[in-house]
Structures are given as C-alpha cells and as structure tokens.
Amino acid sequence: MDIKRVILKISGEALSGGGFGLDENVMSKVVAQITDVNRMGVDVGIVVGGGNFWRGRQGKDMDRTVADHMGMLATVMNAIALRDALERNGVWARVMTSIDIMRIAEPYIYKKAVRHFEKGRVVIFGAGTGNPYFTTDTAAALKACEMHADALLLAKNIDGVYDSDPKLNKAAKKFDKISYLEVINRGLTVMDKTALTMCMENKIPIITFALAGDNSIIKAIKNQGDGTIIS
C-alpha cells in the first residue's frame, strides 16, 4: 500500500492517557511521530475526538443537539493543543473547523485545506462534521473521502479488531485483515456504521492500531504494525 496522504483519527481519551484533559507525555510522543511522518513527505490530516473533555451522551437530560455542540467545542480544544504542540516541534500546522470560530481557527474550506497540504502543513480538522447526531468517526471518514486520502488511520486504546471484547474475553481472536462487510455483519464496534459504510463505498482502507505502541503511526503507514486492516 503506497500511502502519500492519510487522515489520522485520534480519540480524546488517547490524548489524555485514559483520563481527563491532556497528558503532556502522550502528546509529546504523538507529536514526535506526526513530525516524522510529515518529514517523510506524507500529507497528514488529523481528526480529533473530544471525549477527554466532554461526550454528548454525558448530557443525559440535555437536548441532544446542545450536548453535541458542547462535544464539538471539546474537539476544538484538542485541535488547538495539537497545533501548538506541533508548531513548538517545528512543524507548521493549521486548525480548520466545521463551525465558525474565526478568532482561533480557520473555517473549513476544501480548496484551502488542499493548499495547506501542498505547502507541507499538517491540517487538524476540529468540530466534527459541524452537525449534531454525527460522531467524529464519521467526520474522519468524510475528511478521508474529501481529501482523497490513501488510508484512514484509526488510533485507539486497543491494538486492532477482535471478534469480541478482549478485555472481557481472554480468548478473543484478533484479525490481521477483515472486510468492511464482515465488520458490519458481525456487529463489531470498530467505528460507527455510517463512517464504515462511507469508507467502503469510497474504497478507503482503514488501519486500526494502538496509539500507545512505539512508532505506532509510522508502522501503520509503512504496513509494519500489528494492527488490523479493514478493506
């Protein structure tokens, strides 16, 4: 698989080290890898979640739209933190958001995002799709399609796709490769069905792997990791 442009989906929980807020050590390791990938000449777009600050489902008595708007703002906080960390590491980066917050980030414009890639910048997409009822998984799949990415990298707290939850079942079987349809038919909770179907229809492979591993992002791009390829 010849990869020249990727969309990297990072969960908010991954950036927090599994807790609340941001873990500076985790951020440093992630930024170091993104820096290396950028210097390899691979275009990197990032879609980041916001679960380390807020998840829409936390607002049990809230209107769903209000709760999801709060979740979008949480992703923007993570996006700004990533941009700052990347630029302190010598990599030019831009945050583009699906909702207008023009004092702190650029509005998402397709051609402008492409131009940022052409100039060697990392592009961080914040605020999900800009719409309630859609997850950041769907935002990542959408951006992978729009940006004509060669792959969607799904950085998680687990090292691939299993036939059951490995935390509950020690005999769970891990897949090296699996088809989109098999993931859907088995009801495996890799990402939401809307995102998975979008990648399937546009033939974008999904590489899911554990972010915590050494050089995990680089290994995923070079097809040297021990994650799972969904195609």
Protein backbone atom coordinates (compact mmCIF):
# COMPACT_ATOMS: atom_id res chain seq x y z
CA MET A 1 0.00 0.00 0.00
CA ASP A 2 1.60 3.25 -1.21
CA ILE A 3 0.48 5.94 1.22
CA LYS A 4 1.04 9.61 0.36
CA ARG A 5 -1.85 11.19 2.29
CA VAL A 6 -3.58 9.98 5.44
CA ILE A 7 -6.32 11.08 7.75
CA LEU A 8 -5.40 10.19 11.33
CA LYS A 9 -8.31 9.83 13.76
CA ILE A 10 -7.20 10.23 17.37
CA SER A 11 -9.62 9.83 20.25
CA GLY A 12 -9.66 12.40 23.02
CA GLU A 13 -9.16 9.56 25.53
CA ALA A 14 -5.93 8.58 23.79
CA LEU A 15 -4.55 12.10 24.20
CA SER A 16 -5.48 12.07 27.88
CA GLY A 17 -3.75 8.78 28.57
CA GLY A 18 -7.12 7.36 29.56
CA GLY A 19 -8.15 10.09 31.98
CA PHE A 20 -9.42 13.67 31.82
CA GLY A 21 -7.73 16.56 30.00
CA LEU A 22 -4.40 16.24 28.18
CA ASP A 23 -1.37 14.14 29.08
CA GLU A 24 1.79 16.02 28.09
CA ASN A 25 3.84 12.82 27.75
CA VAL A 26 1.29 11.26 25.41
CA MET A 27 1.04 14.49 23.42
CA SER A 28 4.83 14.65 23.04
CA LYS A 29 5.01 11.08 21.71
CA VAL A 30 2.15 11.64 19.27
CA VAL A 31 3.59 14.93 18.02
CA ALA A 32 7.06 13.38 17.57
CA GLN A 33 5.57 10.70 15.33
CA ILE A 34 3.45 13.13 13.32
CA THR A 35 6.57 15.26 12.85
CA ASP A 36 8.46 12.24 11.46
CA VAL A 37 5.60 11.34 9.13
CA ASN A 38 5.40 14.95 7.89
CA ARG A 39 9.13 14.96 7.19
CA MET A 40 8.75 11.69 5.27
CA GLY A 41 6.69 13.71 2.79
CA VAL A 42 3.33 12.18 3.73
CA ASP A 43 0.40 14.59 3.98
CA VAL A 44 -1.20 14.31 7.42
CA GLY A 45 -4.72 15.39 8.24
CA ILE A 46 -5.95 14.84 11.79
CA VAL A 47 -9.48 14.47 13.12
CA VAL A 48 -9.50 14.51 16.90
CA GLY A 49 -12.24 13.49 19.30
CA GLY A 50 -13.24 15.34 22.46
CA GLY A 51 -14.11 12.60 24.94
CA ASN A 52 -11.33 13.64 27.32
CA PHE A 53 -13.34 16.81 27.99
CA TRP A 54 -16.94 16.05 27.07
CA ARG A 55 -19.07 13.42 25.35
CA GLY A 56 -22.54 14.23 24.07
CA ARG A 57 -24.04 11.26 25.90
CA GLN A 58 -22.90 12.76 29.23
CA GLY A 59 -25.73 15.29 28.96
CA LYS A 60 -28.41 12.75 29.86
CA ASP A 61 -31.18 15.33 30.37
CA MET A 62 -29.89 17.75 27.74
CA ASP A 63 -31.25 18.25 24.31
CA ARG A 64 -29.07 16.05 22.08
CA THR A 65 -28.17 18.95 19.79
CA VAL A 66 -26.93 21.07 22.70
CA ALA A 67 -24.87 18.21 24.12
CA ASP A 68 -23.31 17.50 20.71
CA HIS A 69 -22.46 21.18 20.22
CA MET A 70 -20.53 21.02 23.50
CA GLY A 71 -18.73 17.93 22.19
CA MET A 72 -17.71 19.83 19.05
CA LEU A 73 -16.16 22.56 21.19
CA ALA A 74 -14.24 19.90 23.13
CA THR A 75 -12.68 18.65 19.87
CA VAL A 76 -11.59 22.21 19.04
CA MET A 77 -9.75 22.44 22.38
CA ASN A 78 -7.80 19.28 21.49
CA ALA A 79 -7.16 20.52 17.96
CA ILE A 80 -5.68 23.81 19.20
CA ALA A 81 -3.48 21.95 21.70
CA LEU A 82 -2.18 19.67 18.94
CA ARG A 83 -1.44 22.61 16.66
CA ASP A 84 0.52 24.36 19.41
CA ALA A 85 2.49 21.21 20.21
CA LEU A 86 3.31 20.60 16.54
CA GLU A 87 4.46 24.15 15.91
CA ARG A 88 6.64 24.06 19.03
CA ASN A 89 8.18 20.97 17.45
CA GLY A 90 8.95 22.83 14.22
CA VAL A 91 6.00 21.63 12.10
CA TRP A 92 3.61 24.14 10.56
CA ALA A 93 0.00 23.22 11.25
CA ARG A 94 -3.44 24.69 10.73
CA VAL A 95 -6.72 24.09 12.55
CA MET A 96 -9.81 24.14 10.34
CA THR A 97 -13.22 23.86 11.97
CA SER A 98 -16.66 22.87 10.72
CA ILE A 99 -18.23 25.62 12.83
CA ASP A 100 -17.06 29.23 12.61
CA ILE A 101 -14.64 30.20 15.40
CA MET A 102 -12.61 32.57 13.27
CA ARG A 103 -10.65 34.25 16.05
CA ILE A 104 -8.90 31.00 16.93
CA ALA A 105 -9.18 28.75 13.84
CA GLU A 106 -9.87 28.82 10.12
CA PRO A 107 -13.25 27.77 8.75
CA TYR A 108 -13.03 24.54 6.76
CA ILE A 109 -12.75 25.25 3.05
CA TYR A 110 -11.93 22.31 0.80
CA LYS A 111 -9.52 24.06 -1.58
CA LYS A 112 -7.74 25.83 1.27
CA ALA A 113 -7.18 22.52 3.07
CA VAL A 114 -5.68 21.04 -0.09
CA ARG A 115 -3.42 24.09 -0.42
CA HIS A 116 -2.19 23.61 3.16
CA PHE A 117 -1.20 20.06 2.26
CA GLU A 118 0.61 21.29 -0.85
CA LYS A 119 2.64 23.62 1.38
CA GLY A 120 3.62 20.73 3.65
CA ARG A 121 1.43 21.69 6.59
CA VAL A 122 -0.41 19.33 8.93
CA VAL A 123 -4.14 20.06 8.86
CA ILE A 124 -6.17 19.43 12.02
CA PHE A 125 -9.93 19.25 11.49
CA GLY A 126 -11.96 20.28 14.53
CA ALA A 127 -15.67 20.36 15.46
CA GLY A 128 -16.52 17.05 13.79
CA THR A 129 -18.88 17.43 10.83
CA GLY A 130 -20.38 20.57 12.35
CA ASN A 131 -23.67 18.75 12.79
CA PRO A 132 -25.25 17.05 15.81
CA TYR A 133 -26.03 13.30 15.70
CA PHE A 134 -22.76 12.57 13.82
CA THR A 135 -19.67 11.17 15.50
CA THR A 136 -16.04 12.19 14.98
CA ASP A 137 -15.63 8.75 13.33
CA THR A 138 -17.98 9.97 10.61
CA ALA A 139 -16.07 13.26 10.45
CA ALA A 140 -12.83 11.31 9.93
CA ALA A 141 -14.37 9.16 7.18
CA LEU A 142 -15.81 12.26 5.50
CA LYS A 143 -12.46 14.06 5.54
CA ALA A 144 -10.69 10.94 4.23
CA CYS A 145 -13.12 10.97 1.27
CA GLU A 146 -12.94 14.72 0.66
CA MET A 147 -9.15 14.85 0.89
CA HIS A 148 -8.72 11.74 -1.30
CA ALA A 149 -6.68 10.08 1.44
CA ASP A 150 -4.93 6.79 0.74
CA ALA A 151 -5.94 5.47 4.16
CA LEU A 152 -7.79 6.33 7.35
CA LEU A 153 -5.66 5.60 10.40
CA LEU A 154 -7.73 4.81 13.48
CA ALA A 155 -5.57 5.30 16.58
CA LYS A 156 -7.23 3.63 19.56
CA ASN A 157 -6.52 2.26 23.01
CA ILE A 158 -6.71 -1.29 21.61
CA ASP A 159 -4.29 -2.83 19.11
CA GLY A 160 -6.72 -3.91 16.40
CA VAL A 161 -10.06 -5.53 15.65
CA TYR A 162 -11.14 -8.59 17.67
CA ASP A 163 -14.10 -10.94 17.30
CA SER A 164 -15.15 -9.99 20.83
CA ASP A 165 -14.04 -7.60 23.55
CA PRO A 166 -10.50 -8.70 24.56
CA LYS A 167 -10.93 -7.00 27.92
CA LEU A 168 -13.81 -9.35 28.72
CA ASN A 169 -12.76 -12.41 26.74
CA LYS A 170 -9.12 -13.53 27.01
CA ALA A 171 -9.69 -15.95 24.12
CA ALA A 172 -10.80 -13.16 21.76
CA LYS A 173 -9.38 -13.58 18.25
CA LYS A 174 -7.63 -10.66 16.60
CA PHE A 175 -7.92 -10.07 12.86
CA ASP A 176 -4.92 -9.02 10.76
CA LYS A 177 -7.27 -8.20 7.89
CA ILE A 178 -11.05 -8.07 7.69
CA SER A 179 -13.57 -6.75 5.17
CA TYR A 180 -15.90 -3.82 5.76
CA LEU A 181 -18.93 -6.08 5.37
CA GLU A 182 -17.67 -8.63 7.86
CA VAL A 183 -17.19 -5.89 10.45
CA ILE A 184 -20.77 -4.73 9.84
CA ASN A 185 -22.29 -8.23 9.75
CA ARG A 186 -20.52 -9.29 12.93
CA GLY A 187 -21.60 -6.09 14.67
CA LEU A 188 -18.02 -5.28 15.69
CA THR A 189 -17.72 -1.89 17.37
CA VAL A 190 -14.70 -0.54 15.49
CA MET A 191 -16.37 2.68 14.41
CA ASP A 192 -19.92 3.70 13.68
CA LYS A 193 -21.69 2.18 10.67
CA THR A 194 -22.09 5.49 8.86
CA ALA A 195 -18.32 6.03 8.88
CA LEU A 196 -17.57 2.43 7.94
CA THR A 197 -20.04 2.46 5.05
CA MET A 198 -18.62 5.74 3.74
CA CYS A 199 -15.10 4.24 3.66
CA MET A 200 -16.42 1.08 1.99
CA GLU A 201 -18.27 2.97 -0.74
CA ASN A 202 -15.19 5.10 -1.47
CA LYS A 203 -12.70 2.21 -1.14
CA ILE A 204 -10.64 3.85 1.60
CA PRO A 205 -8.79 1.26 3.71
CA ILE A 206 -8.97 1.68 7.49
CA ILE A 207 -5.93 0.79 9.58
CA THR A 208 -6.77 0.45 13.25
CA PHE A 209 -3.97 0.19 15.81
CA ALA A 210 -2.94 1.05 19.37
CA LEU A 211 -1.64 4.60 19.63
CA ALA A 212 0.45 3.73 22.69
CA GLY A 213 2.85 1.44 20.81
CA ASP A 214 6.36 2.58 19.85
CA ASN A 215 6.30 4.41 16.49
CA SER A 216 2.76 3.09 16.03
CA ILE A 217 1.68 5.72 13.50
CA ILE A 218 4.79 5.29 11.34
CA LYS A 219 4.49 1.49 11.47
CA ALA A 220 0.84 1.71 10.42
CA ILE A 221 1.74 3.87 7.41
CA LYS A 222 4.59 1.55 6.42
CA ASN A 223 2.38 -1.54 6.91
CA GLN A 224 4.79 -2.79 9.55
CA GLY A 225 2.47 -2.59 12.55
CA ASP A 226 0.45 -5.28 14.26
CA GLY A 227 -2.93 -3.58 13.87
CA THR A 228 -5.85 -4.57 11.66
CA ILE A 229 -6.53 -3.51 8.07
CA ILE A 230 -10.19 -3.14 7.11
CA SER A 231 -10.67 -3.10 3.35
